[in-house]
Amino acid sequence: MIQIEREAPIGADVRQLLGEHLADMFATSPAESVHALDVRQLCEPEISFWTAREDGGLLGCGALKQLPSRQGEIKSMRTTAGARGRGVATLLLARIIEAARRDGNETVNLETGTEDYFAPARRLYSRNGFTDCEPFADYSLDPNSVYMELRLVD
């Protein structure tokens, strides 16, 4: 059974997965368009971090950064290669959205890439109600970025 739990991003397996994530981001996008956070940044107090595990083995992770104005931002969504296609990202996303709603956020936003590499992520977010939006928070228009939003209140 897959378990989604809050966890500090400090374990060796989590650090390895986040390292792979950062390496892929820099291999896929220009450096100025990479907005992924490193482990130190993911330990900041405004960030909540979750892992997906099965029998103790890491399957994936994701984070929610609390922004001003009752807005959350999804960060560092990643599944292991062996977990892809099993619904792990959908479970993580549901938990993050649930937490954002519980914490009183009105929206959940995210930034992802425009390259084909990011197409599965964009499909995941679209299937879960996210729509394209303008840049938010400190982001600005970038041809390598797609900005998406999920409204949690009407």
N, C-alpha and C. Protein backbone atom coordinates (compact mmCIF):
# COMPACT_ATOMS: atom_id res chain seq x y z
N MET A 1 0.84 -1.18 0.00
CA MET A 1 0.00 0.00 0.00
C MET A 1 0.89 1.25 0.00
N ILE A 2 0.55 2.21 -0.83
CA ILE A 2 1.31 3.46 -0.93
C ILE A 2 0.87 4.39 0.20
N GLN A 3 1.86 4.93 0.92
CA GLN A 3 1.59 5.85 2.01
C GLN A 3 2.22 7.20 1.68
N ILE A 4 1.43 8.25 1.84
CA ILE A 4 1.89 9.62 1.63
C ILE A 4 2.01 10.26 3.02
N GLU A 5 3.21 10.70 3.37
CA GLU A 5 3.45 11.27 4.70
C GLU A 5 4.30 12.52 4.59
N ARG A 6 4.09 13.45 5.55
CA ARG A 6 5.00 14.59 5.67
C ARG A 6 6.33 14.05 6.17
N GLU A 7 7.40 14.59 5.61
CA GLU A 7 8.73 14.11 5.94
C GLU A 7 9.72 15.22 5.59
N ALA A 8 10.74 15.38 6.39
CA ALA A 8 11.81 16.32 6.03
C ALA A 8 12.60 15.73 4.86
N PRO A 9 13.00 16.57 3.91
CA PRO A 9 13.70 16.07 2.72
C PRO A 9 15.19 15.83 2.96
N ILE A 10 15.51 15.09 4.02
CA ILE A 10 16.92 14.95 4.40
C ILE A 10 17.45 13.52 4.28
N GLY A 11 16.57 12.55 4.09
CA GLY A 11 17.02 11.17 3.96
C GLY A 11 17.84 10.96 2.69
N ALA A 12 18.73 9.98 2.73
CA ALA A 12 19.60 9.72 1.59
C ALA A 12 18.80 9.42 0.32
N ASP A 13 17.72 8.64 0.45
CA ASP A 13 16.93 8.31 -0.74
C ASP A 13 16.22 9.53 -1.32
N VAL A 14 15.74 10.39 -0.43
CA VAL A 14 15.07 11.62 -0.88
C VAL A 14 16.09 12.55 -1.53
N ARG A 15 17.25 12.70 -0.92
CA ARG A 15 18.29 13.55 -1.49
C ARG A 15 18.71 13.06 -2.88
N GLN A 16 18.79 11.75 -3.03
CA GLN A 16 19.16 11.21 -4.34
C GLN A 16 18.09 11.54 -5.38
N LEU A 17 16.82 11.34 -5.03
CA LEU A 17 15.73 11.64 -5.96
C LEU A 17 15.71 13.12 -6.31
N LEU A 18 15.90 13.98 -5.32
CA LEU A 18 15.92 15.42 -5.59
C LEU A 18 17.13 15.82 -6.42
N GLY A 19 18.25 15.13 -6.22
CA GLY A 19 19.43 15.38 -7.04
C GLY A 19 19.17 15.02 -8.50
N GLU A 20 18.50 13.89 -8.71
CA GLU A 20 18.13 13.49 -10.08
C GLU A 20 17.20 14.53 -10.70
N HIS A 21 16.26 15.01 -9.88
CA HIS A 21 15.30 16.00 -10.34
C HIS A 21 16.02 17.27 -10.80
N LEU A 22 16.91 17.79 -9.96
CA LEU A 22 17.65 19.00 -10.33
C LEU A 22 18.51 18.77 -11.56
N ALA A 23 19.17 17.63 -11.64
CA ALA A 23 20.01 17.34 -12.81
C ALA A 23 19.17 17.32 -14.08
N ASP A 24 18.01 16.70 -14.02
CA ASP A 24 17.13 16.66 -15.19
C ASP A 24 16.62 18.05 -15.56
N MET A 25 16.33 18.88 -14.56
CA MET A 25 15.84 20.23 -14.85
C MET A 25 16.92 21.03 -15.58
N PHE A 26 18.16 20.93 -15.11
CA PHE A 26 19.24 21.68 -15.77
C PHE A 26 19.62 21.09 -17.12
N ALA A 27 19.39 19.79 -17.31
CA ALA A 27 19.67 19.16 -18.60
C ALA A 27 18.59 19.48 -19.62
N THR A 28 17.40 19.84 -19.15
CA THR A 28 16.25 20.03 -20.03
C THR A 28 15.96 21.49 -20.33
N SER A 29 16.23 22.36 -19.38
CA SER A 29 15.87 23.77 -19.52
C SER A 29 17.10 24.66 -19.35
N PRO A 30 17.07 25.86 -19.94
CA PRO A 30 18.16 26.80 -19.70
C PRO A 30 18.23 27.12 -18.20
N ALA A 31 19.42 27.35 -17.69
CA ALA A 31 19.61 27.57 -16.25
C ALA A 31 18.70 28.67 -15.70
N GLU A 32 18.53 29.75 -16.47
CA GLU A 32 17.69 30.85 -15.97
C GLU A 32 16.21 30.49 -15.90
N SER A 33 15.83 29.37 -16.48
CA SER A 33 14.44 28.92 -16.45
C SER A 33 14.21 27.76 -15.49
N VAL A 34 15.22 27.38 -14.73
CA VAL A 34 15.09 26.30 -13.75
C VAL A 34 14.69 26.92 -12.42
N HIS A 35 13.53 26.50 -11.91
CA HIS A 35 13.00 27.04 -10.66
C HIS A 35 12.87 25.97 -9.58
N ALA A 36 13.47 24.81 -9.81
CA ALA A 36 13.43 23.73 -8.83
C ALA A 36 14.25 24.12 -7.61
N LEU A 37 13.83 23.66 -6.45
CA LEU A 37 14.51 23.98 -5.20
C LEU A 37 15.45 22.86 -4.80
N ASP A 38 16.53 23.23 -4.14
CA ASP A 38 17.44 22.22 -3.61
C ASP A 38 16.97 21.80 -2.21
N VAL A 39 17.65 20.83 -1.63
CA VAL A 39 17.25 20.30 -0.32
C VAL A 39 17.23 21.39 0.74
N ARG A 40 18.23 22.23 0.76
CA ARG A 40 18.27 23.31 1.76
C ARG A 40 17.03 24.20 1.64
N GLN A 41 16.67 24.57 0.42
CA GLN A 41 15.50 25.43 0.21
C GLN A 41 14.20 24.70 0.59
N LEU A 42 14.16 23.41 0.36
CA LEU A 42 12.96 22.63 0.69
C LEU A 42 12.78 22.45 2.20
N CYS A 43 13.79 22.80 2.98
CA CYS A 43 13.70 22.73 4.44
C CYS A 43 13.26 24.05 5.06
N GLU A 44 13.02 25.06 4.23
CA GLU A 44 12.58 26.37 4.75
C GLU A 44 11.20 26.23 5.40
N PRO A 45 10.89 27.07 6.40
CA PRO A 45 9.64 26.92 7.16
C PRO A 45 8.36 27.10 6.35
N GLU A 46 8.41 27.82 5.24
CA GLU A 46 7.20 28.03 4.44
C GLU A 46 6.90 26.86 3.50
N ILE A 47 7.70 25.80 3.60
CA ILE A 47 7.54 24.65 2.70
C ILE A 47 7.14 23.41 3.49
N SER A 48 6.11 22.75 2.99
CA SER A 48 5.70 21.44 3.51
C SER A 48 6.11 20.42 2.46
N PHE A 49 6.67 19.31 2.91
CA PHE A 49 7.23 18.31 2.01
C PHE A 49 6.64 16.94 2.33
N TRP A 50 6.25 16.19 1.28
CA TRP A 50 5.67 14.87 1.44
C TRP A 50 6.46 13.85 0.63
N THR A 51 6.45 12.63 1.11
CA THR A 51 6.99 11.51 0.33
C THR A 51 5.91 10.47 0.14
N ALA A 52 6.05 9.72 -0.93
CA ALA A 52 5.21 8.55 -1.19
C ALA A 52 6.13 7.35 -1.02
N ARG A 53 5.71 6.42 -0.19
CA ARG A 53 6.51 5.22 0.08
C ARG A 53 5.63 3.98 0.05
N GLU A 54 6.26 2.88 -0.32
CA GLU A 54 5.61 1.57 -0.28
C GLU A 54 6.59 0.61 0.36
N ASP A 55 6.16 -0.01 1.46
CA ASP A 55 7.05 -0.90 2.22
C ASP A 55 8.38 -0.22 2.53
N GLY A 56 8.32 1.08 2.83
CA GLY A 56 9.51 1.84 3.18
C GLY A 56 10.30 2.39 2.01
N GLY A 57 10.07 1.86 0.81
CA GLY A 57 10.80 2.32 -0.37
C GLY A 57 10.22 3.60 -0.93
N LEU A 58 11.08 4.54 -1.27
CA LEU A 58 10.65 5.82 -1.81
C LEU A 58 10.11 5.67 -3.23
N LEU A 59 8.93 6.21 -3.47
CA LEU A 59 8.31 6.22 -4.80
C LEU A 59 8.26 7.61 -5.41
N GLY A 60 8.22 8.63 -4.55
CA GLY A 60 8.12 9.99 -5.07
C GLY A 60 8.05 11.00 -3.96
N CYS A 61 8.01 12.28 -4.38
CA CYS A 61 7.94 13.37 -3.41
C CYS A 61 7.27 14.58 -4.05
N GLY A 62 6.88 15.50 -3.20
CA GLY A 62 6.29 16.75 -3.65
C GLY A 62 6.23 17.72 -2.50
N ALA A 63 6.15 19.01 -2.81
CA ALA A 63 6.16 20.03 -1.77
C ALA A 63 5.16 21.12 -2.09
N LEU A 64 4.77 21.83 -1.05
CA LEU A 64 3.90 23.00 -1.17
C LEU A 64 4.58 24.16 -0.48
N LYS A 65 4.80 25.22 -1.22
CA LYS A 65 5.38 26.44 -0.67
C LYS A 65 4.25 27.41 -0.41
N GLN A 66 4.19 27.92 0.82
CA GLN A 66 3.15 28.89 1.15
C GLN A 66 3.59 30.26 0.67
N LEU A 67 2.77 30.85 -0.19
CA LEU A 67 3.02 32.18 -0.72
C LEU A 67 2.10 33.17 -0.02
N PRO A 68 2.37 34.46 -0.14
CA PRO A 68 1.44 35.45 0.43
C PRO A 68 0.07 35.37 -0.24
N SER A 69 -0.88 36.02 0.34
CA SER A 69 -2.22 36.17 -0.25
C SER A 69 -2.94 34.84 -0.42
N ARG A 70 -2.81 33.94 0.54
CA ARG A 70 -3.56 32.68 0.54
C ARG A 70 -3.36 31.90 -0.75
N GLN A 71 -2.12 31.76 -1.11
CA GLN A 71 -1.73 31.09 -2.35
C GLN A 71 -0.62 30.10 -2.03
N GLY A 72 -0.73 28.89 -2.59
CA GLY A 72 0.32 27.89 -2.44
C GLY A 72 0.94 27.59 -3.79
N GLU A 73 2.19 27.14 -3.76
CA GLU A 73 2.88 26.77 -5.00
C GLU A 73 3.42 25.35 -4.87
N ILE A 74 3.11 24.52 -5.84
CA ILE A 74 3.64 23.16 -5.87
C ILE A 74 5.09 23.22 -6.33
N LYS A 75 5.95 22.50 -5.60
CA LYS A 75 7.37 22.45 -5.90
C LYS A 75 7.84 21.00 -5.84
N SER A 76 8.84 20.70 -6.62
CA SER A 76 9.60 19.44 -6.53
C SER A 76 8.77 18.17 -6.63
N MET A 77 7.76 18.16 -7.49
CA MET A 77 7.01 16.92 -7.74
C MET A 77 7.91 16.01 -8.57
N ARG A 78 8.11 14.80 -8.07
CA ARG A 78 8.98 13.85 -8.77
C ARG A 78 8.64 12.43 -8.33
N THR A 79 8.61 11.52 -9.27
CA THR A 79 8.47 10.10 -8.94
C THR A 79 9.72 9.37 -9.42
N THR A 80 10.00 8.26 -8.76
CA THR A 80 11.12 7.44 -9.20
C THR A 80 10.77 6.79 -10.53
N ALA A 81 11.77 6.40 -11.28
CA ALA A 81 11.53 5.77 -12.59
C ALA A 81 10.66 4.54 -12.44
N GLY A 82 10.89 3.73 -11.41
CA GLY A 82 10.12 2.51 -11.21
C GLY A 82 8.68 2.73 -10.78
N ALA A 83 8.37 3.94 -10.31
CA ALA A 83 7.02 4.23 -9.83
C ALA A 83 6.15 4.88 -10.89
N ARG A 84 6.72 5.27 -12.00
CA ARG A 84 5.94 5.98 -13.02
C ARG A 84 4.86 5.09 -13.60
N GLY A 85 3.71 5.70 -13.83
CA GLY A 85 2.58 4.97 -14.38
C GLY A 85 1.75 4.24 -13.34
N ARG A 86 2.06 4.41 -12.06
CA ARG A 86 1.34 3.72 -10.99
C ARG A 86 0.39 4.63 -10.23
N GLY A 87 0.27 5.89 -10.63
CA GLY A 87 -0.62 6.82 -9.96
C GLY A 87 -0.02 7.51 -8.74
N VAL A 88 1.28 7.36 -8.56
CA VAL A 88 1.94 7.96 -7.39
C VAL A 88 1.83 9.49 -7.44
N ALA A 89 2.10 10.08 -8.58
CA ALA A 89 2.03 11.54 -8.70
C ALA A 89 0.62 12.05 -8.43
N THR A 90 -0.38 11.32 -8.87
CA THR A 90 -1.77 11.72 -8.61
C THR A 90 -2.06 11.68 -7.11
N LEU A 91 -1.58 10.66 -6.41
CA LEU A 91 -1.77 10.58 -4.96
C LEU A 91 -1.06 11.72 -4.24
N LEU A 92 0.18 11.99 -4.62
CA LEU A 92 0.91 13.11 -4.02
C LEU A 92 0.20 14.43 -4.27
N LEU A 93 -0.23 14.65 -5.49
CA LEU A 93 -0.90 15.89 -5.85
C LEU A 93 -2.18 16.05 -5.03
N ALA A 94 -2.94 14.99 -4.88
CA ALA A 94 -4.18 15.05 -4.09
C ALA A 94 -3.88 15.44 -2.64
N ARG A 95 -2.83 14.89 -2.07
CA ARG A 95 -2.47 15.21 -0.69
C ARG A 95 -2.04 16.67 -0.56
N ILE A 96 -1.29 17.16 -1.54
CA ILE A 96 -0.83 18.55 -1.51
C ILE A 96 -2.03 19.50 -1.64
N ILE A 97 -2.94 19.19 -2.54
CA ILE A 97 -4.13 20.04 -2.72
C ILE A 97 -4.97 20.02 -1.45
N GLU A 98 -5.12 18.86 -0.86
CA GLU A 98 -5.88 18.73 0.40
C GLU A 98 -5.26 19.62 1.48
N ALA A 99 -3.95 19.59 1.61
CA ALA A 99 -3.26 20.40 2.61
C ALA A 99 -3.43 21.89 2.31
N ALA A 100 -3.32 22.26 1.04
CA ALA A 100 -3.49 23.67 0.66
C ALA A 100 -4.89 24.15 1.00
N ARG A 101 -5.87 23.34 0.74
CA ARG A 101 -7.26 23.68 1.04
C ARG A 101 -7.44 23.81 2.57
N ARG A 102 -6.92 22.84 3.31
CA ARG A 102 -7.03 22.84 4.77
C ARG A 102 -6.37 24.08 5.37
N ASP A 103 -5.27 24.52 4.76
CA ASP A 103 -4.54 25.68 5.27
C ASP A 103 -5.16 27.01 4.84
N GLY A 104 -6.28 26.97 4.13
CA GLY A 104 -6.99 28.18 3.77
C GLY A 104 -6.53 28.86 2.50
N ASN A 105 -5.77 28.17 1.68
CA ASN A 105 -5.35 28.76 0.41
C ASN A 105 -6.54 28.88 -0.54
N GLU A 106 -6.53 29.94 -1.31
CA GLU A 106 -7.57 30.14 -2.32
C GLU A 106 -7.16 29.55 -3.66
N THR A 107 -5.86 29.49 -3.91
CA THR A 107 -5.35 28.91 -5.15
C THR A 107 -4.10 28.09 -4.86
N VAL A 108 -3.84 27.16 -5.77
CA VAL A 108 -2.56 26.46 -5.81
C VAL A 108 -2.00 26.70 -7.21
N ASN A 109 -0.78 27.19 -7.27
CA ASN A 109 -0.14 27.50 -8.54
C ASN A 109 1.08 26.62 -8.73
N LEU A 110 1.58 26.62 -9.94
CA LEU A 110 2.82 25.91 -10.23
C LEU A 110 3.43 26.46 -11.50
N GLU A 111 4.71 26.20 -11.63
CA GLU A 111 5.46 26.51 -12.85
C GLU A 111 6.07 25.20 -13.32
N THR A 112 5.94 24.94 -14.60
CA THR A 112 6.59 23.77 -15.20
C THR A 112 7.12 24.17 -16.57
N GLY A 113 7.81 23.27 -17.20
CA GLY A 113 8.45 23.60 -18.47
C GLY A 113 7.56 23.44 -19.68
N THR A 114 7.99 24.03 -20.78
CA THR A 114 7.27 23.95 -22.05
C THR A 114 7.77 22.79 -22.92
N GLU A 115 8.96 22.27 -22.61
CA GLU A 115 9.56 21.23 -23.43
C GLU A 115 8.73 19.94 -23.37
N ASP A 116 8.90 19.07 -24.38
CA ASP A 116 8.19 17.80 -24.42
C ASP A 116 8.43 16.97 -23.16
N TYR A 117 9.60 17.09 -22.57
CA TYR A 117 9.94 16.36 -21.35
C TYR A 117 8.88 16.58 -20.26
N PHE A 118 8.29 17.79 -20.23
CA PHE A 118 7.33 18.16 -19.20
C PHE A 118 5.88 17.86 -19.57
N ALA A 119 5.64 17.30 -20.75
CA ALA A 119 4.27 17.02 -21.20
C ALA A 119 3.50 16.13 -20.22
N PRO A 120 4.10 15.05 -19.69
CA PRO A 120 3.35 14.24 -18.71
C PRO A 120 2.93 15.05 -17.48
N ALA A 121 3.78 15.93 -17.01
CA ALA A 121 3.44 16.76 -15.86
C ALA A 121 2.28 17.69 -16.20
N ARG A 122 2.34 18.32 -17.35
CA ARG A 122 1.26 19.23 -17.75
C ARG A 122 -0.06 18.48 -17.86
N ARG A 123 -0.01 17.24 -18.40
CA ARG A 123 -1.24 16.43 -18.50
C ARG A 123 -1.78 16.09 -17.11
N LEU A 124 -0.89 15.71 -16.19
CA LEU A 124 -1.30 15.40 -14.83
C LEU A 124 -2.03 16.59 -14.21
N TYR A 125 -1.43 17.75 -14.30
CA TYR A 125 -2.04 18.93 -13.68
C TYR A 125 -3.37 19.29 -14.37
N SER A 126 -3.42 19.22 -15.67
CA SER A 126 -4.68 19.51 -16.39
C SER A 126 -5.78 18.54 -15.99
N ARG A 127 -5.45 17.25 -15.91
CA ARG A 127 -6.44 16.25 -15.49
C ARG A 127 -6.99 16.52 -14.10
N ASN A 128 -6.22 17.22 -13.29
CA ASN A 128 -6.62 17.50 -11.92
C ASN A 128 -7.14 18.92 -11.73
N GLY A 129 -7.55 19.56 -12.83
CA GLY A 129 -8.26 20.83 -12.74
C GLY A 129 -7.42 22.08 -12.88
N PHE A 130 -6.12 21.95 -13.05
CA PHE A 130 -5.27 23.13 -13.22
C PHE A 130 -5.47 23.70 -14.62
N THR A 131 -5.44 25.01 -14.71
CA THR A 131 -5.54 25.70 -16.00
C THR A 131 -4.37 26.67 -16.14
N ASP A 132 -4.04 27.01 -17.38
CA ASP A 132 -2.96 27.96 -17.62
C ASP A 132 -3.32 29.31 -17.00
N CYS A 133 -2.31 30.01 -16.53
CA CYS A 133 -2.52 31.33 -15.94
C CYS A 133 -1.31 32.21 -16.24
N GLU A 134 -1.39 33.44 -15.83
CA GLU A 134 -0.28 34.37 -15.97
C GLU A 134 0.79 34.03 -14.93
N PRO A 135 2.00 34.52 -15.11
CA PRO A 135 3.02 34.32 -14.08
C PRO A 135 2.52 34.84 -12.73
N PHE A 136 2.90 34.18 -11.68
CA PHE A 136 2.46 34.53 -10.33
C PHE A 136 3.69 34.75 -9.46
N ALA A 137 3.46 35.24 -8.25
CA ALA A 137 4.53 35.49 -7.28
C ALA A 137 5.65 36.27 -7.95
N ASP A 138 6.88 35.77 -7.88
CA ASP A 138 8.03 36.48 -8.44
C ASP A 138 8.39 36.05 -9.86
N TYR A 139 7.55 35.22 -10.48
CA TYR A 139 7.83 34.76 -11.84
C TYR A 139 7.53 35.86 -12.84
N SER A 140 8.19 35.78 -14.00
CA SER A 140 7.88 36.68 -15.10
C SER A 140 7.73 35.83 -16.36
N LEU A 141 7.19 36.42 -17.40
CA LEU A 141 7.02 35.67 -18.65
C LEU A 141 8.33 35.06 -19.08
N ASP A 142 8.26 33.79 -19.46
CA ASP A 142 9.45 33.04 -19.86
C ASP A 142 8.99 32.03 -20.91
N PRO A 143 9.58 32.04 -22.10
CA PRO A 143 9.15 31.10 -23.14
C PRO A 143 9.39 29.63 -22.77
N ASN A 144 10.16 29.38 -21.73
CA ASN A 144 10.43 28.02 -21.30
C ASN A 144 9.55 27.57 -20.14
N SER A 145 8.61 28.42 -19.73
CA SER A 145 7.76 28.13 -18.58
C SER A 145 6.28 28.17 -18.93
N VAL A 146 5.54 27.29 -18.28
CA VAL A 146 4.08 27.29 -18.29
C VAL A 146 3.67 27.52 -16.84
N TYR A 147 2.70 28.41 -16.63
CA TYR A 147 2.19 28.69 -15.30
C TYR A 147 0.77 28.16 -15.23
N MET A 148 0.46 27.48 -14.14
CA MET A 148 -0.87 26.89 -14.00
C MET A 148 -1.44 27.20 -12.62
N GLU A 149 -2.77 27.14 -12.54
CA GLU A 149 -3.46 27.49 -11.31
C GLU A 149 -4.67 26.58 -11.10
N LEU A 150 -4.91 26.24 -9.87
CA LEU A 150 -6.11 25.54 -9.45
C LEU A 150 -6.80 26.42 -8.42
N ARG A 151 -8.01 26.87 -8.73
CA ARG A 151 -8.77 27.66 -7.78
C ARG A 151 -9.44 26.72 -6.78
N LEU A 152 -9.25 27.00 -5.50
CA LEU A 152 -9.81 26.17 -4.45
C LEU A 152 -11.11 26.71 -3.90
N VAL A 153 -11.40 27.99 -4.21
CA VAL A 153 -12.65 28.62 -3.79
C VAL A 153 -13.30 29.26 -5.00
N ASP A 154 -14.59 29.40 -4.96
CA ASP A 154 -15.31 30.03 -6.09
C ASP A 154 -15.26 31.52 -6.02
